[in-house]
Amino acid sequence: MDPDPSPFHLAKTGDRSVTVTMGFASPGQRLLRAHIDPDILPRWLGTPDLSLSVGHVDPRPGGRFDIEARFPEGPRSVASGQFVDLAETRIRLEARLDTGIFAGIAPRPVQITLEIEAEAHGTRLTLSLRFADRTTRDAALNGSLAATLDRAYSRLDALLQD
């Protein structure tokens, strides 16, 4: 398999959404598992200087998740919510982000859909984030969302190739 099937790409979609696509050399099942396994998540999610704590992950429809990230300079970010749908090629979540990353934006709901699709050279991941409003989406984009996701998915790609 090609070690870098396609680069990370992030784009605004609609008035309050963001779509991320990236190709991975790994099979889809490994990629999907890395998003729901509490032992694997801290190894790639976030950035190397981030302390990530996975409090709870119950990957089934209606199951809850709680993940806390603490930055070296002190702020913390909490993502919590529930799994709406899980299938062999898709995860849908309803999440709330209580975070200092979004520059003064109060915790707001985010709909997250992750889809995977087999390709000739591996698996294509499509991550869709639908924010509560344009202001929240733009604050996330003006912050570190793109760079954080790019670094995290690059780390995941390397981890899955080990």
N, C-alpha and C. Protein backbone atom coordinates (compact mmCIF):
# COMPACT_ATOMS: atom_id res chain seq x y z
N MET A 1 0.84 -1.19 0.00
CA MET A 1 0.00 0.00 0.00
C MET A 1 0.88 1.25 0.00
N ASP A 2 0.40 2.26 -0.65
CA ASP A 2 1.09 3.55 -0.69
C ASP A 2 1.10 4.15 0.72
N PRO A 3 2.27 4.58 1.25
CA PRO A 3 2.31 5.10 2.62
C PRO A 3 1.60 6.43 2.81
N ASP A 4 1.33 7.18 1.76
CA ASP A 4 0.64 8.47 1.89
C ASP A 4 -0.37 8.61 0.76
N PRO A 5 -1.51 7.88 0.84
CA PRO A 5 -2.47 7.89 -0.25
C PRO A 5 -2.99 9.27 -0.62
N SER A 6 -3.24 10.14 0.32
CA SER A 6 -3.64 11.50 0.00
C SER A 6 -3.41 12.38 1.22
N PRO A 7 -3.07 13.64 0.98
CA PRO A 7 -2.75 14.53 2.09
C PRO A 7 -4.01 15.00 2.83
N PHE A 8 -3.77 15.58 3.98
CA PHE A 8 -4.80 16.20 4.80
C PHE A 8 -5.39 17.39 4.05
N HIS A 9 -6.72 17.49 4.05
CA HIS A 9 -7.38 18.63 3.41
C HIS A 9 -8.56 19.04 4.29
N LEU A 10 -8.68 20.34 4.58
CA LEU A 10 -9.78 20.88 5.38
C LEU A 10 -10.44 21.99 4.58
N ALA A 11 -11.78 21.98 4.55
CA ALA A 11 -12.52 23.01 3.82
C ALA A 11 -13.79 23.38 4.57
N LYS A 12 -14.18 24.65 4.47
CA LYS A 12 -15.48 25.09 4.97
C LYS A 12 -16.53 24.48 4.05
N THR A 13 -17.63 24.01 4.65
CA THR A 13 -18.74 23.49 3.87
C THR A 13 -20.01 24.09 4.44
N GLY A 14 -20.76 24.78 3.60
CA GLY A 14 -21.96 25.45 4.09
C GLY A 14 -21.60 26.61 5.00
N ASP A 15 -22.58 27.07 5.76
CA ASP A 15 -22.36 28.26 6.58
C ASP A 15 -21.83 27.97 7.98
N ARG A 16 -21.82 26.68 8.40
CA ARG A 16 -21.34 26.40 9.76
C ARG A 16 -20.61 25.06 9.90
N SER A 17 -20.16 24.51 8.80
CA SER A 17 -19.52 23.20 8.83
C SER A 17 -18.10 23.23 8.29
N VAL A 18 -17.37 22.18 8.63
CA VAL A 18 -16.01 21.96 8.15
C VAL A 18 -15.93 20.49 7.75
N THR A 19 -15.27 20.21 6.64
CA THR A 19 -15.04 18.83 6.22
C THR A 19 -13.55 18.60 6.07
N VAL A 20 -13.08 17.52 6.65
CA VAL A 20 -11.68 17.11 6.58
C VAL A 20 -11.63 15.80 5.81
N THR A 21 -10.69 15.69 4.88
CA THR A 21 -10.45 14.42 4.21
C THR A 21 -8.96 14.09 4.29
N MET A 22 -8.68 12.81 4.38
CA MET A 22 -7.29 12.35 4.40
C MET A 22 -7.27 10.88 4.04
N GLY A 23 -6.25 10.48 3.30
CA GLY A 23 -6.06 9.08 2.97
C GLY A 23 -5.11 8.42 3.95
N PHE A 24 -5.39 7.17 4.26
CA PHE A 24 -4.56 6.38 5.16
C PHE A 24 -4.20 5.07 4.47
N ALA A 25 -3.02 4.56 4.73
CA ALA A 25 -2.60 3.28 4.17
C ALA A 25 -3.27 2.11 4.88
N SER A 26 -3.76 2.33 6.07
CA SER A 26 -4.33 1.25 6.90
C SER A 26 -5.73 0.86 6.47
N PRO A 27 -6.12 -0.37 6.79
CA PRO A 27 -7.49 -0.80 6.53
C PRO A 27 -8.49 0.00 7.37
N GLY A 28 -9.69 0.12 6.85
CA GLY A 28 -10.73 0.90 7.50
C GLY A 28 -11.07 0.48 8.91
N GLN A 29 -11.09 -0.82 9.18
CA GLN A 29 -11.44 -1.28 10.53
C GLN A 29 -10.45 -0.78 11.57
N ARG A 30 -9.16 -0.76 11.24
CA ARG A 30 -8.15 -0.25 12.18
C ARG A 30 -8.33 1.24 12.39
N LEU A 31 -8.65 1.95 11.32
CA LEU A 31 -8.85 3.39 11.40
C LEU A 31 -10.07 3.72 12.27
N LEU A 32 -11.15 3.00 12.05
CA LEU A 32 -12.36 3.22 12.84
C LEU A 32 -12.12 2.89 14.32
N ARG A 33 -11.45 1.78 14.58
CA ARG A 33 -11.17 1.37 15.96
C ARG A 33 -10.34 2.42 16.70
N ALA A 34 -9.41 3.05 16.00
CA ALA A 34 -8.56 4.06 16.63
C ALA A 34 -9.36 5.26 17.12
N HIS A 35 -10.56 5.47 16.59
CA HIS A 35 -11.41 6.59 17.00
C HIS A 35 -12.29 6.27 18.20
N ILE A 36 -12.41 4.99 18.56
CA ILE A 36 -13.32 4.61 19.65
C ILE A 36 -12.65 3.80 20.76
N ASP A 37 -11.40 3.43 20.59
CA ASP A 37 -10.71 2.62 21.59
C ASP A 37 -10.01 3.54 22.59
N PRO A 38 -10.42 3.51 23.87
CA PRO A 38 -9.84 4.43 24.86
C PRO A 38 -8.35 4.21 25.11
N ASP A 39 -7.82 3.05 24.74
CA ASP A 39 -6.38 2.81 24.88
C ASP A 39 -5.58 3.39 23.72
N ILE A 40 -6.20 3.51 22.56
CA ILE A 40 -5.51 4.02 21.37
C ILE A 40 -5.66 5.53 21.23
N LEU A 41 -6.81 6.08 21.58
CA LEU A 41 -7.08 7.52 21.42
C LEU A 41 -5.97 8.43 21.95
N PRO A 42 -5.49 8.23 23.18
CA PRO A 42 -4.47 9.15 23.70
C PRO A 42 -3.14 9.09 22.96
N ARG A 43 -2.93 8.03 22.18
CA ARG A 43 -1.66 7.88 21.47
C ARG A 43 -1.58 8.73 20.22
N TRP A 44 -2.72 9.26 19.75
CA TRP A 44 -2.68 10.06 18.52
C TRP A 44 -3.51 11.34 18.59
N LEU A 45 -4.58 11.37 19.34
CA LEU A 45 -5.48 12.52 19.33
C LEU A 45 -4.83 13.72 20.00
N GLY A 46 -4.97 14.87 19.40
CA GLY A 46 -4.39 16.08 19.96
C GLY A 46 -2.98 16.33 19.44
N THR A 47 -2.15 16.91 20.27
CA THR A 47 -0.78 17.23 19.89
C THR A 47 0.18 16.60 20.91
N PRO A 48 1.46 16.46 20.56
CA PRO A 48 2.40 15.81 21.48
C PRO A 48 2.54 16.51 22.83
N ASP A 49 2.32 17.82 22.89
CA ASP A 49 2.47 18.55 24.16
C ASP A 49 1.19 18.56 24.99
N LEU A 50 0.18 17.85 24.54
CA LEU A 50 -1.12 17.82 25.19
C LEU A 50 -1.23 16.59 26.08
N SER A 51 -1.73 16.77 27.28
CA SER A 51 -2.01 15.64 28.16
C SER A 51 -3.47 15.24 27.95
N LEU A 52 -3.69 14.06 27.40
CA LEU A 52 -5.04 13.62 27.05
C LEU A 52 -5.50 12.53 28.02
N SER A 53 -6.70 12.70 28.54
CA SER A 53 -7.28 11.73 29.46
C SER A 53 -8.64 11.29 28.92
N VAL A 54 -8.78 10.01 28.67
CA VAL A 54 -10.05 9.47 28.19
C VAL A 54 -10.78 8.93 29.40
N GLY A 55 -11.81 9.66 29.82
CA GLY A 55 -12.56 9.27 31.01
C GLY A 55 -13.50 8.12 30.76
N HIS A 56 -14.16 8.13 29.61
CA HIS A 56 -15.17 7.12 29.35
C HIS A 56 -15.46 7.10 27.85
N VAL A 57 -15.52 5.92 27.27
CA VAL A 57 -15.94 5.75 25.88
C VAL A 57 -16.79 4.49 25.82
N ASP A 58 -18.05 4.64 25.46
CA ASP A 58 -18.98 3.52 25.33
C ASP A 58 -19.50 3.53 23.89
N PRO A 59 -18.75 2.89 22.96
CA PRO A 59 -19.05 3.00 21.53
C PRO A 59 -20.24 2.14 21.06
N ARG A 60 -21.41 2.63 21.36
CA ARG A 60 -22.66 2.03 20.87
C ARG A 60 -23.69 3.15 20.78
N PRO A 61 -24.72 3.00 19.96
CA PRO A 61 -25.73 4.05 19.89
C PRO A 61 -26.28 4.37 21.29
N GLY A 62 -26.23 5.64 21.64
CA GLY A 62 -26.66 6.08 22.97
C GLY A 62 -25.55 6.06 24.00
N GLY A 63 -24.42 5.43 23.68
CA GLY A 63 -23.28 5.37 24.60
C GLY A 63 -22.62 6.73 24.72
N ARG A 64 -22.01 6.99 25.86
CA ARG A 64 -21.40 8.29 26.15
C ARG A 64 -19.89 8.24 25.98
N PHE A 65 -19.30 9.43 25.83
CA PHE A 65 -17.85 9.57 25.85
C PHE A 65 -17.47 10.87 26.54
N ASP A 66 -16.31 10.86 27.19
CA ASP A 66 -15.75 12.03 27.86
C ASP A 66 -14.24 12.00 27.67
N ILE A 67 -13.72 13.06 27.09
CA ILE A 67 -12.28 13.17 26.85
C ILE A 67 -11.83 14.55 27.31
N GLU A 68 -10.76 14.58 28.10
CA GLU A 68 -10.22 15.86 28.57
C GLU A 68 -8.80 16.03 28.07
N ALA A 69 -8.51 17.21 27.57
CA ALA A 69 -7.15 17.56 27.15
C ALA A 69 -6.67 18.72 27.99
N ARG A 70 -5.44 18.63 28.45
CA ARG A 70 -4.86 19.72 29.24
C ARG A 70 -3.61 20.21 28.53
N PHE A 71 -3.57 21.52 28.32
CA PHE A 71 -2.45 22.15 27.63
C PHE A 71 -1.35 22.49 28.63
N PRO A 72 -0.09 22.54 28.18
CA PRO A 72 1.03 22.82 29.10
C PRO A 72 0.87 24.15 29.84
N GLU A 73 0.31 25.15 29.18
CA GLU A 73 0.16 26.46 29.82
C GLU A 73 -1.07 26.53 30.72
N GLY A 74 -1.79 25.41 30.88
CA GLY A 74 -2.87 25.38 31.85
C GLY A 74 -4.28 25.19 31.36
N PRO A 75 -4.70 25.80 30.22
CA PRO A 75 -6.11 25.63 29.85
C PRO A 75 -6.45 24.17 29.58
N ARG A 76 -7.70 23.85 29.77
CA ARG A 76 -8.14 22.50 29.47
C ARG A 76 -9.28 22.53 28.48
N SER A 77 -9.47 21.43 27.81
CA SER A 77 -10.53 21.29 26.83
C SER A 77 -11.25 19.99 27.13
N VAL A 78 -12.57 20.03 27.17
CA VAL A 78 -13.34 18.83 27.43
C VAL A 78 -14.30 18.60 26.28
N ALA A 79 -14.30 17.39 25.76
CA ALA A 79 -15.28 16.99 24.75
C ALA A 79 -16.10 15.86 25.37
N SER A 80 -17.40 16.01 25.35
CA SER A 80 -18.27 14.96 25.86
C SER A 80 -19.50 14.90 24.99
N GLY A 81 -20.14 13.75 25.02
CA GLY A 81 -21.34 13.60 24.22
C GLY A 81 -21.76 12.16 24.13
N GLN A 82 -22.47 11.86 23.04
CA GLN A 82 -22.93 10.49 22.87
C GLN A 82 -22.81 10.05 21.43
N PHE A 83 -22.67 8.74 21.29
CA PHE A 83 -22.66 8.12 19.97
C PHE A 83 -24.09 8.05 19.47
N VAL A 84 -24.33 8.53 18.27
CA VAL A 84 -25.66 8.49 17.67
C VAL A 84 -25.80 7.24 16.83
N ASP A 85 -24.75 6.92 16.09
CA ASP A 85 -24.81 5.81 15.14
C ASP A 85 -23.40 5.26 14.96
N LEU A 86 -23.28 3.96 14.92
CA LEU A 86 -22.02 3.30 14.60
C LEU A 86 -22.29 2.22 13.57
N ALA A 87 -21.47 2.17 12.56
CA ALA A 87 -21.57 1.14 11.54
C ALA A 87 -20.14 0.76 11.15
N GLU A 88 -20.00 -0.18 10.23
CA GLU A 88 -18.66 -0.60 9.82
C GLU A 88 -17.87 0.51 9.16
N THR A 89 -18.56 1.48 8.59
CA THR A 89 -17.85 2.54 7.86
C THR A 89 -18.20 3.95 8.35
N ARG A 90 -18.91 4.07 9.48
CA ARG A 90 -19.35 5.40 9.91
C ARG A 90 -19.52 5.47 11.42
N ILE A 91 -19.16 6.63 11.96
CA ILE A 91 -19.45 6.96 13.36
C ILE A 91 -20.11 8.33 13.35
N ARG A 92 -21.25 8.46 14.01
CA ARG A 92 -21.86 9.78 14.19
C ARG A 92 -21.95 10.07 15.68
N LEU A 93 -21.53 11.29 16.04
CA LEU A 93 -21.52 11.72 17.43
C LEU A 93 -22.25 13.04 17.58
N GLU A 94 -22.83 13.23 18.73
CA GLU A 94 -23.30 14.55 19.16
C GLU A 94 -22.38 14.92 20.31
N ALA A 95 -21.66 16.01 20.19
CA ALA A 95 -20.67 16.38 21.20
C ALA A 95 -20.87 17.81 21.68
N ARG A 96 -20.36 18.07 22.87
CA ARG A 96 -20.25 19.44 23.38
C ARG A 96 -18.78 19.67 23.68
N LEU A 97 -18.30 20.79 23.22
CA LEU A 97 -16.90 21.13 23.44
C LEU A 97 -16.83 22.26 24.44
N ASP A 98 -16.28 21.98 25.60
CA ASP A 98 -16.06 22.99 26.63
C ASP A 98 -14.57 23.30 26.55
N THR A 99 -14.24 24.36 25.86
CA THR A 99 -12.85 24.52 25.50
C THR A 99 -12.38 25.95 25.49
N GLY A 100 -11.13 26.16 25.81
CA GLY A 100 -10.49 27.46 25.68
C GLY A 100 -9.91 27.66 24.30
N ILE A 101 -9.95 26.64 23.47
CA ILE A 101 -9.39 26.73 22.12
C ILE A 101 -10.16 27.74 21.27
N PHE A 102 -11.45 27.83 21.48
CA PHE A 102 -12.28 28.65 20.60
C PHE A 102 -12.44 30.08 21.09
N ALA A 103 -11.43 30.63 21.69
CA ALA A 103 -11.33 32.05 22.03
C ALA A 103 -12.63 32.68 22.53
N GLY A 104 -13.04 32.31 23.73
CA GLY A 104 -14.17 32.98 24.36
C GLY A 104 -15.53 32.46 23.95
N ILE A 105 -15.58 31.43 23.15
CA ILE A 105 -16.87 30.87 22.74
C ILE A 105 -17.34 29.89 23.82
N ALA A 106 -18.57 30.05 24.28
CA ALA A 106 -19.13 29.16 25.29
C ALA A 106 -19.28 27.75 24.72
N PRO A 107 -19.39 26.74 25.59
CA PRO A 107 -19.59 25.38 25.10
C PRO A 107 -20.80 25.32 24.17
N ARG A 108 -20.60 24.72 23.02
CA ARG A 108 -21.67 24.63 22.01
C ARG A 108 -21.71 23.21 21.47
N PRO A 109 -22.87 22.77 21.03
CA PRO A 109 -22.95 21.43 20.44
C PRO A 109 -22.26 21.37 19.07
N VAL A 110 -21.70 20.22 18.79
CA VAL A 110 -21.07 19.96 17.49
C VAL A 110 -21.53 18.58 17.04
N GLN A 111 -22.01 18.49 15.81
CA GLN A 111 -22.35 17.19 15.24
C GLN A 111 -21.12 16.71 14.47
N ILE A 112 -20.66 15.52 14.80
CA ILE A 112 -19.45 14.98 14.19
C ILE A 112 -19.80 13.69 13.47
N THR A 113 -19.44 13.62 12.20
CA THR A 113 -19.63 12.39 11.43
C THR A 113 -18.29 11.99 10.84
N LEU A 114 -17.91 10.76 11.08
CA LEU A 114 -16.68 10.22 10.53
C LEU A 114 -17.06 9.07 9.61
N GLU A 115 -16.60 9.14 8.37
CA GLU A 115 -16.89 8.07 7.41
C GLU A 115 -15.59 7.58 6.81
N ILE A 116 -15.52 6.28 6.57
CA ILE A 116 -14.35 5.71 5.93
C ILE A 116 -14.78 4.97 4.67
N GLU A 117 -13.91 5.00 3.68
CA GLU A 117 -14.20 4.37 2.40
C GLU A 117 -12.93 3.72 1.87
N ALA A 118 -13.03 2.45 1.50
CA ALA A 118 -11.88 1.74 0.95
C ALA A 118 -11.50 2.35 -0.39
N GLU A 119 -10.19 2.47 -0.61
CA GLU A 119 -9.65 2.97 -1.87
C GLU A 119 -8.59 1.98 -2.35
N ALA A 120 -8.11 2.17 -3.56
CA ALA A 120 -7.10 1.28 -4.12
C ALA A 120 -5.84 1.23 -3.26
N HIS A 121 -5.48 2.35 -2.63
CA HIS A 121 -4.23 2.41 -1.86
C HIS A 121 -4.46 2.52 -0.36
N GLY A 122 -5.63 2.14 0.13
CA GLY A 122 -5.88 2.22 1.57
C GLY A 122 -7.30 2.63 1.88
N THR A 123 -7.43 3.65 2.71
CA THR A 123 -8.74 4.08 3.19
C THR A 123 -8.82 5.60 3.20
N ARG A 124 -9.93 6.13 2.71
CA ARG A 124 -10.18 7.57 2.78
C ARG A 124 -11.07 7.85 3.98
N LEU A 125 -10.63 8.80 4.81
CA LEU A 125 -11.40 9.26 5.95
C LEU A 125 -12.03 10.60 5.60
N THR A 126 -13.31 10.75 5.90
CA THR A 126 -13.99 12.03 5.77
C THR A 126 -14.59 12.35 7.13
N LEU A 127 -14.16 13.47 7.69
CA LEU A 127 -14.63 13.93 9.00
C LEU A 127 -15.42 15.21 8.77
N SER A 128 -16.69 15.21 9.18
CA SER A 128 -17.54 16.39 9.05
C SER A 128 -17.87 16.92 10.44
N LEU A 129 -17.64 18.21 10.64
CA LEU A 129 -17.96 18.88 11.90
C LEU A 129 -18.99 19.95 11.60
N ARG A 130 -20.17 19.82 12.19
CA ARG A 130 -21.21 20.84 12.01
C ARG A 130 -21.38 21.56 13.34
N PHE A 131 -20.96 22.82 13.34
CA PHE A 131 -20.97 23.64 14.55
C PHE A 131 -22.35 24.27 14.76
N ALA A 132 -22.59 24.80 15.95
CA ALA A 132 -23.88 25.41 16.29
C ALA A 132 -24.18 26.61 15.41
N ASP A 133 -23.13 27.33 15.00
CA ASP A 133 -23.33 28.52 14.17
C ASP A 133 -22.02 28.88 13.48
N ARG A 134 -22.10 29.84 12.60
CA ARG A 134 -20.93 30.28 11.84
C ARG A 134 -19.84 30.86 12.75
N THR A 135 -20.25 31.61 13.78
CA THR A 135 -19.29 32.23 14.69
C THR A 135 -18.41 31.18 15.36
N THR A 136 -19.04 30.10 15.83
CA THR A 136 -18.28 29.04 16.49
C THR A 136 -17.35 28.34 15.50
N ARG A 137 -17.86 28.06 14.31
CA ARG A 137 -17.01 27.42 13.29
C ARG A 137 -15.82 28.30 12.96
N ASP A 138 -16.07 29.59 12.73
CA ASP A 138 -14.98 30.50 12.37
C ASP A 138 -13.98 30.67 13.50
N ALA A 139 -14.46 30.67 14.75
CA ALA A 139 -13.55 30.75 15.89
C ALA A 139 -12.65 29.51 15.94
N ALA A 140 -13.23 28.35 15.66
CA ALA A 140 -12.43 27.11 15.64
C ALA A 140 -11.38 27.17 14.53
N LEU A 141 -11.77 27.68 13.37
CA LEU A 141 -10.83 27.77 12.25
C LEU A 141 -9.76 28.83 12.49
N ASN A 142 -10.12 29.91 13.16
CA ASN A 142 -9.14 30.96 13.47
C ASN A 142 -8.21 30.54 14.60
N GLY A 143 -8.62 29.54 15.35
CA GLY A 143 -7.78 28.98 16.40
C GLY A 143 -6.88 27.90 15.81
N SER A 144 -6.76 26.82 16.51
CA SER A 144 -5.80 25.79 16.10
C SER A 144 -6.45 24.54 15.53
N LEU A 145 -7.73 24.59 15.16
CA LEU A 145 -8.42 23.39 14.71
C LEU A 145 -7.71 22.70 13.54
N ALA A 146 -7.42 23.42 12.48
CA ALA A 146 -6.82 22.80 11.29
C ALA A 146 -5.46 22.19 11.61
N ALA A 147 -4.60 22.94 12.28
CA ALA A 147 -3.26 22.44 12.60
C ALA A 147 -3.33 21.25 13.56
N THR A 148 -4.23 21.32 14.53
CA THR A 148 -4.37 20.23 15.50
C THR A 148 -4.84 18.95 14.81
N LEU A 149 -5.85 19.06 13.95
CA LEU A 149 -6.35 17.88 13.25
C LEU A 149 -5.29 17.32 12.30
N ASP A 150 -4.59 18.18 11.60
CA ASP A 150 -3.54 17.73 10.68
C ASP A 150 -2.47 16.95 11.44
N ARG A 151 -1.99 17.50 12.54
CA ARG A 151 -0.96 16.80 13.34
C ARG A 151 -1.50 15.49 13.92
N ALA A 152 -2.72 15.53 14.42
CA ALA A 152 -3.29 14.32 15.03
C ALA A 152 -3.44 13.21 13.99
N TYR A 153 -3.98 13.54 12.83
CA TYR A 153 -4.17 12.50 11.82
C TYR A 153 -2.84 12.03 11.23
N SER A 154 -1.84 12.87 11.19
CA SER A 154 -0.50 12.42 10.77
C SER A 154 0.06 11.44 11.80
N ARG A 155 -0.14 11.74 13.08
CA ARG A 155 0.29 10.82 14.14
C ARG A 155 -0.47 9.50 14.06
N LEU A 156 -1.78 9.57 13.79
CA LEU A 156 -2.57 8.35 13.66
C LEU A 156 -2.08 7.51 12.49
N ASP A 157 -1.81 8.15 11.36
CA ASP A 157 -1.32 7.42 10.19
C ASP A 157 -0.03 6.69 10.52
N ALA A 158 0.89 7.36 11.19
CA ALA A 158 2.17 6.73 11.58
C ALA A 158 1.93 5.59 12.58
N LEU A 159 1.05 5.80 13.54
CA LEU A 159 0.74 4.79 14.54
C LEU A 159 0.17 3.53 13.89
N LEU A 160 -0.73 3.70 12.94
CA LEU A 160 -1.38 2.56 12.29
C LEU A 160 -0.44 1.80 11.37
N GLN A 161 0.64 2.43 10.96
CA GLN A 161 1.61 1.74 10.10
C GLN A 161 2.62 0.93 10.90
N ASP A 162 2.66 1.12 12.22
CA ASP A 162 3.59 0.35 13.07
C ASP A 162 3.17 -1.10 13.16
